[in-house]
Amino acid sequence: MLQMYPAKEQQVMVSKCMAWCNNVYVAVANASGFDGVYTYFGHSAIIGCDGRTLGECGTEDNGIQYGQLSISGIRDGRANDQSQNQLFKLLHRGYTGV
């Protein structure tokens, strides 16, 4: 039996970093339970553009989670929060502050 549990912390960290660095919402989908070969850890999640978790499932079977996504919120974040996000500026605008 192979377990997928060691990747749980990496899944959570990478999804939050991806959301913040790219200033986008991120939805993570992962199975939970045992399929005869692998054991899956679940923890599907919805991550906000600022890296905060808006909703997350646990390890239960058939978990459902809802999160409210705001178009005006992400537009506001892209317009006003970029002074704190050097990676976004470097990737999307080609410069960053020194």
N, C-alpha and C. Protein backbone atom coordinates (compact mmCIF):
# COMPACT_ATOMS: atom_id res chain seq x y z
N MET A 1 0.85 -1.18 0.00
CA MET A 1 0.00 0.00 0.00
C MET A 1 0.89 1.24 0.00
N LEU A 2 0.70 2.12 -0.96
CA LEU A 2 1.47 3.35 -1.06
C LEU A 2 0.65 4.50 -0.49
N GLN A 3 1.28 5.35 0.28
CA GLN A 3 0.58 6.48 0.87
C GLN A 3 1.01 7.78 0.22
N MET A 4 0.03 8.65 0.00
CA MET A 4 0.30 9.95 -0.61
C MET A 4 0.47 11.04 0.45
N TYR A 5 0.46 10.67 1.73
CA TYR A 5 0.48 11.66 2.80
C TYR A 5 1.69 12.58 2.84
N PRO A 6 2.90 12.15 2.48
CA PRO A 6 4.02 13.08 2.58
C PRO A 6 3.85 14.34 1.75
N ALA A 7 3.03 14.29 0.71
CA ALA A 7 2.86 15.44 -0.17
C ALA A 7 1.79 16.42 0.32
N LYS A 8 1.10 16.12 1.42
CA LYS A 8 0.01 16.98 1.89
C LYS A 8 0.49 18.39 2.20
N GLU A 9 1.55 18.51 2.97
CA GLU A 9 2.05 19.84 3.33
C GLU A 9 2.54 20.60 2.10
N GLN A 10 3.17 19.91 1.17
CA GLN A 10 3.63 20.56 -0.06
C GLN A 10 2.46 21.03 -0.90
N GLN A 11 1.38 20.23 -0.97
CA GLN A 11 0.20 20.64 -1.75
C GLN A 11 -0.38 21.93 -1.19
N VAL A 12 -0.51 22.00 0.11
CA VAL A 12 -1.09 23.19 0.74
C VAL A 12 -0.18 24.39 0.52
N MET A 13 1.12 24.25 0.75
CA MET A 13 2.06 25.36 0.61
C MET A 13 2.16 25.85 -0.83
N VAL A 14 2.28 24.94 -1.78
CA VAL A 14 2.43 25.33 -3.18
C VAL A 14 1.17 26.02 -3.69
N SER A 15 0.00 25.54 -3.33
CA SER A 15 -1.22 26.18 -3.82
C SER A 15 -1.37 27.59 -3.27
N LYS A 16 -1.01 27.80 -2.01
CA LYS A 16 -1.07 29.15 -1.44
C LYS A 16 -0.04 30.07 -2.10
N CYS A 17 1.15 29.56 -2.34
CA CYS A 17 2.19 30.35 -3.00
C CYS A 17 1.80 30.69 -4.43
N MET A 18 1.24 29.72 -5.16
CA MET A 18 0.82 29.97 -6.54
C MET A 18 -0.26 31.05 -6.59
N ALA A 19 -1.21 31.00 -5.67
CA ALA A 19 -2.28 31.99 -5.65
C ALA A 19 -1.72 33.38 -5.40
N TRP A 20 -0.83 33.49 -4.42
CA TRP A 20 -0.28 34.81 -4.07
C TRP A 20 0.66 35.34 -5.14
N CYS A 21 1.57 34.50 -5.63
CA CYS A 21 2.55 34.95 -6.62
C CYS A 21 1.91 35.38 -7.93
N ASN A 22 0.84 34.69 -8.33
CA ASN A 22 0.19 35.00 -9.60
C ASN A 22 -1.06 35.85 -9.44
N ASN A 23 -1.42 36.16 -8.19
CA ASN A 23 -2.58 37.00 -7.90
C ASN A 23 -3.84 36.45 -8.57
N VAL A 24 -4.09 35.15 -8.34
CA VAL A 24 -5.26 34.46 -8.90
C VAL A 24 -5.87 33.56 -7.83
N TYR A 25 -7.12 33.17 -8.04
CA TYR A 25 -7.73 32.14 -7.21
C TYR A 25 -7.19 30.78 -7.65
N VAL A 26 -7.03 29.87 -6.72
CA VAL A 26 -6.56 28.52 -7.03
C VAL A 26 -7.54 27.52 -6.41
N ALA A 27 -7.96 26.55 -7.21
CA ALA A 27 -8.79 25.45 -6.72
C ALA A 27 -7.96 24.17 -6.80
N VAL A 28 -7.83 23.47 -5.69
CA VAL A 28 -7.05 22.24 -5.61
C VAL A 28 -8.02 21.08 -5.41
N ALA A 29 -7.96 20.10 -6.29
CA ALA A 29 -8.82 18.92 -6.17
C ALA A 29 -7.95 17.69 -5.93
N ASN A 30 -8.26 16.94 -4.89
CA ASN A 30 -7.52 15.73 -4.58
C ASN A 30 -8.47 14.70 -3.99
N ALA A 31 -8.28 13.47 -4.39
CA ALA A 31 -9.11 12.37 -3.88
C ALA A 31 -8.78 12.09 -2.42
N SER A 32 -9.67 11.37 -1.78
CA SER A 32 -9.39 10.92 -0.41
C SER A 32 -9.82 9.46 -0.31
N GLY A 33 -9.16 8.74 0.58
CA GLY A 33 -9.51 7.35 0.78
C GLY A 33 -8.49 6.41 0.14
N PHE A 34 -8.90 5.18 -0.05
CA PHE A 34 -8.02 4.13 -0.55
C PHE A 34 -8.65 3.51 -1.79
N ASP A 35 -7.89 3.38 -2.88
CA ASP A 35 -8.42 2.83 -4.12
C ASP A 35 -7.93 1.41 -4.42
N GLY A 36 -7.34 0.76 -3.45
CA GLY A 36 -6.81 -0.58 -3.66
C GLY A 36 -5.31 -0.60 -3.83
N VAL A 37 -4.74 0.53 -4.26
CA VAL A 37 -3.29 0.65 -4.43
C VAL A 37 -2.76 1.83 -3.62
N TYR A 38 -3.38 2.99 -3.79
CA TYR A 38 -2.92 4.21 -3.15
C TYR A 38 -3.89 4.65 -2.05
N THR A 39 -3.34 5.33 -1.07
CA THR A 39 -4.14 6.01 -0.06
C THR A 39 -4.01 7.50 -0.32
N TYR A 40 -5.11 8.17 -0.58
CA TYR A 40 -5.10 9.60 -0.89
C TYR A 40 -5.46 10.39 0.35
N PHE A 41 -4.89 11.60 0.46
CA PHE A 41 -5.06 12.37 1.68
C PHE A 41 -6.12 13.44 1.61
N GLY A 42 -6.74 13.67 0.47
CA GLY A 42 -7.81 14.66 0.39
C GLY A 42 -7.28 16.08 0.47
N HIS A 43 -7.91 16.88 1.30
CA HIS A 43 -7.55 18.29 1.51
C HIS A 43 -7.67 19.11 0.24
N SER A 44 -8.74 18.87 -0.54
CA SER A 44 -9.05 19.76 -1.65
C SER A 44 -9.33 21.14 -1.06
N ALA A 45 -9.01 22.19 -1.79
CA ALA A 45 -9.12 23.53 -1.21
C ALA A 45 -9.41 24.59 -2.26
N ILE A 46 -9.92 25.71 -1.80
CA ILE A 46 -10.08 26.92 -2.60
C ILE A 46 -9.24 27.98 -1.93
N ILE A 47 -8.30 28.55 -2.69
CA ILE A 47 -7.34 29.52 -2.15
C ILE A 47 -7.60 30.88 -2.77
N GLY A 48 -7.63 31.92 -1.96
CA GLY A 48 -7.84 33.28 -2.44
C GLY A 48 -6.60 33.85 -3.08
N CYS A 49 -6.75 34.95 -3.81
CA CYS A 49 -5.63 35.54 -4.53
C CYS A 49 -4.56 36.11 -3.61
N ASP A 50 -4.86 36.23 -2.33
CA ASP A 50 -3.87 36.70 -1.36
C ASP A 50 -3.23 35.55 -0.59
N GLY A 51 -3.52 34.31 -0.99
CA GLY A 51 -2.91 33.14 -0.36
C GLY A 51 -3.67 32.58 0.83
N ARG A 52 -4.80 33.20 1.20
CA ARG A 52 -5.59 32.68 2.32
C ARG A 52 -6.50 31.56 1.85
N THR A 53 -6.73 30.59 2.71
CA THR A 53 -7.63 29.49 2.41
C THR A 53 -9.07 29.94 2.57
N LEU A 54 -9.86 29.85 1.50
CA LEU A 54 -11.27 30.23 1.56
C LEU A 54 -12.15 29.05 1.94
N GLY A 55 -11.70 27.84 1.66
CA GLY A 55 -12.43 26.64 2.03
C GLY A 55 -11.54 25.43 1.80
N GLU A 56 -11.64 24.45 2.69
CA GLU A 56 -10.81 23.26 2.56
C GLU A 56 -11.56 22.04 3.08
N CYS A 57 -11.50 20.96 2.32
CA CYS A 57 -12.05 19.69 2.78
C CYS A 57 -11.00 18.99 3.64
N GLY A 58 -11.45 18.04 4.40
CA GLY A 58 -10.53 17.24 5.18
C GLY A 58 -10.23 15.94 4.47
N THR A 59 -10.22 14.86 5.22
CA THR A 59 -9.94 13.54 4.65
C THR A 59 -11.20 12.72 4.44
N GLU A 60 -12.37 13.31 4.65
CA GLU A 60 -13.64 12.58 4.51
C GLU A 60 -13.90 12.20 3.06
N ASP A 61 -14.64 11.13 2.86
CA ASP A 61 -15.03 10.73 1.51
C ASP A 61 -16.14 11.65 1.01
N ASN A 62 -16.11 11.97 -0.26
CA ASN A 62 -17.14 12.78 -0.92
C ASN A 62 -17.33 14.15 -0.27
N GLY A 63 -16.25 14.76 0.17
CA GLY A 63 -16.34 16.09 0.78
C GLY A 63 -16.65 17.16 -0.25
N ILE A 64 -17.42 18.14 0.16
CA ILE A 64 -17.77 19.27 -0.70
C ILE A 64 -17.47 20.54 0.07
N GLN A 65 -16.87 21.50 -0.59
CA GLN A 65 -16.54 22.77 0.04
C GLN A 65 -16.92 23.91 -0.90
N TYR A 66 -17.39 24.98 -0.34
CA TYR A 66 -17.78 26.16 -1.09
C TYR A 66 -16.92 27.33 -0.67
N GLY A 67 -16.70 28.25 -1.58
CA GLY A 67 -15.98 29.48 -1.26
C GLY A 67 -16.53 30.60 -2.13
N GLN A 68 -16.53 31.81 -1.60
CA GLN A 68 -17.04 32.94 -2.35
C GLN A 68 -15.88 33.65 -3.04
N LEU A 69 -15.94 33.71 -4.36
CA LEU A 69 -14.91 34.38 -5.15
C LEU A 69 -15.44 35.76 -5.54
N SER A 70 -14.60 36.75 -5.44
CA SER A 70 -15.02 38.12 -5.70
C SER A 70 -14.23 38.70 -6.87
N ILE A 71 -14.92 39.03 -7.95
CA ILE A 71 -14.26 39.66 -9.09
C ILE A 71 -13.75 41.04 -8.69
N SER A 72 -14.56 41.80 -7.98
CA SER A 72 -14.11 43.14 -7.57
C SER A 72 -12.95 43.04 -6.57
N GLY A 73 -12.96 42.01 -5.74
CA GLY A 73 -11.87 41.83 -4.78
C GLY A 73 -10.54 41.54 -5.45
N ILE A 74 -10.55 40.69 -6.47
CA ILE A 74 -9.29 40.38 -7.15
C ILE A 74 -8.83 41.57 -8.00
N ARG A 75 -9.76 42.31 -8.58
CA ARG A 75 -9.38 43.52 -9.33
C ARG A 75 -8.76 44.56 -8.40
N ASP A 76 -9.35 44.70 -7.22
CA ASP A 76 -8.80 45.63 -6.23
C ASP A 76 -7.40 45.19 -5.78
N GLY A 77 -7.25 43.89 -5.55
CA GLY A 77 -5.94 43.37 -5.15
C GLY A 77 -4.88 43.59 -6.21
N ARG A 78 -5.24 43.38 -7.47
CA ARG A 78 -4.29 43.58 -8.55
C ARG A 78 -3.93 45.04 -8.72
N ALA A 79 -4.86 45.93 -8.43
CA ALA A 79 -4.60 47.36 -8.57
C ALA A 79 -3.84 47.94 -7.39
N ASN A 80 -4.12 47.45 -6.17
CA ASN A 80 -3.59 48.11 -4.98
C ASN A 80 -2.60 47.32 -4.13
N ASP A 81 -2.58 46.01 -4.27
CA ASP A 81 -1.73 45.20 -3.39
C ASP A 81 -0.40 44.81 -4.00
N GLN A 82 -0.13 45.24 -5.21
CA GLN A 82 1.07 44.77 -5.89
C GLN A 82 2.37 45.34 -5.33
N SER A 83 2.30 46.41 -4.55
CA SER A 83 3.54 46.94 -3.97
C SER A 83 4.18 45.96 -3.02
N GLN A 84 3.42 44.99 -2.51
CA GLN A 84 3.94 43.98 -1.61
C GLN A 84 4.28 42.67 -2.31
N ASN A 85 3.99 42.55 -3.60
CA ASN A 85 4.17 41.30 -4.32
C ASN A 85 5.21 41.47 -5.42
N GLN A 86 6.48 41.37 -5.05
CA GLN A 86 7.58 41.59 -5.99
C GLN A 86 7.62 40.52 -7.09
N LEU A 87 7.23 39.28 -6.77
CA LEU A 87 7.27 38.22 -7.77
C LEU A 87 6.27 38.48 -8.89
N PHE A 88 5.08 38.98 -8.55
CA PHE A 88 4.08 39.28 -9.58
C PHE A 88 4.59 40.40 -10.47
N LYS A 89 5.17 41.43 -9.89
CA LYS A 89 5.67 42.55 -10.69
C LYS A 89 6.80 42.12 -11.61
N LEU A 90 7.70 41.29 -11.10
CA LEU A 90 8.81 40.84 -11.92
C LEU A 90 8.35 39.98 -13.08
N LEU A 91 7.42 39.06 -12.83
CA LEU A 91 6.94 38.14 -13.86
C LEU A 91 6.04 38.83 -14.88
N HIS A 92 5.09 39.65 -14.41
CA HIS A 92 4.08 40.20 -15.30
C HIS A 92 4.40 41.59 -15.82
N ARG A 93 5.26 42.31 -15.13
CA ARG A 93 5.58 43.67 -15.56
C ARG A 93 7.04 43.84 -15.93
N GLY A 94 7.88 42.88 -15.60
CA GLY A 94 9.28 42.92 -15.99
C GLY A 94 10.18 43.74 -15.10
N TYR A 95 9.68 44.19 -13.94
CA TYR A 95 10.52 44.96 -13.04
C TYR A 95 10.10 44.72 -11.61
N THR A 96 10.91 45.15 -10.69
CA THR A 96 10.57 45.11 -9.28
C THR A 96 11.31 46.24 -8.58
N GLY A 97 10.85 46.64 -7.41
CA GLY A 97 11.50 47.71 -6.67
C GLY A 97 12.75 47.21 -5.95
N VAL A 98 13.67 48.11 -5.74
CA VAL A 98 14.92 47.76 -5.05
C VAL A 98 14.99 48.51 -3.74
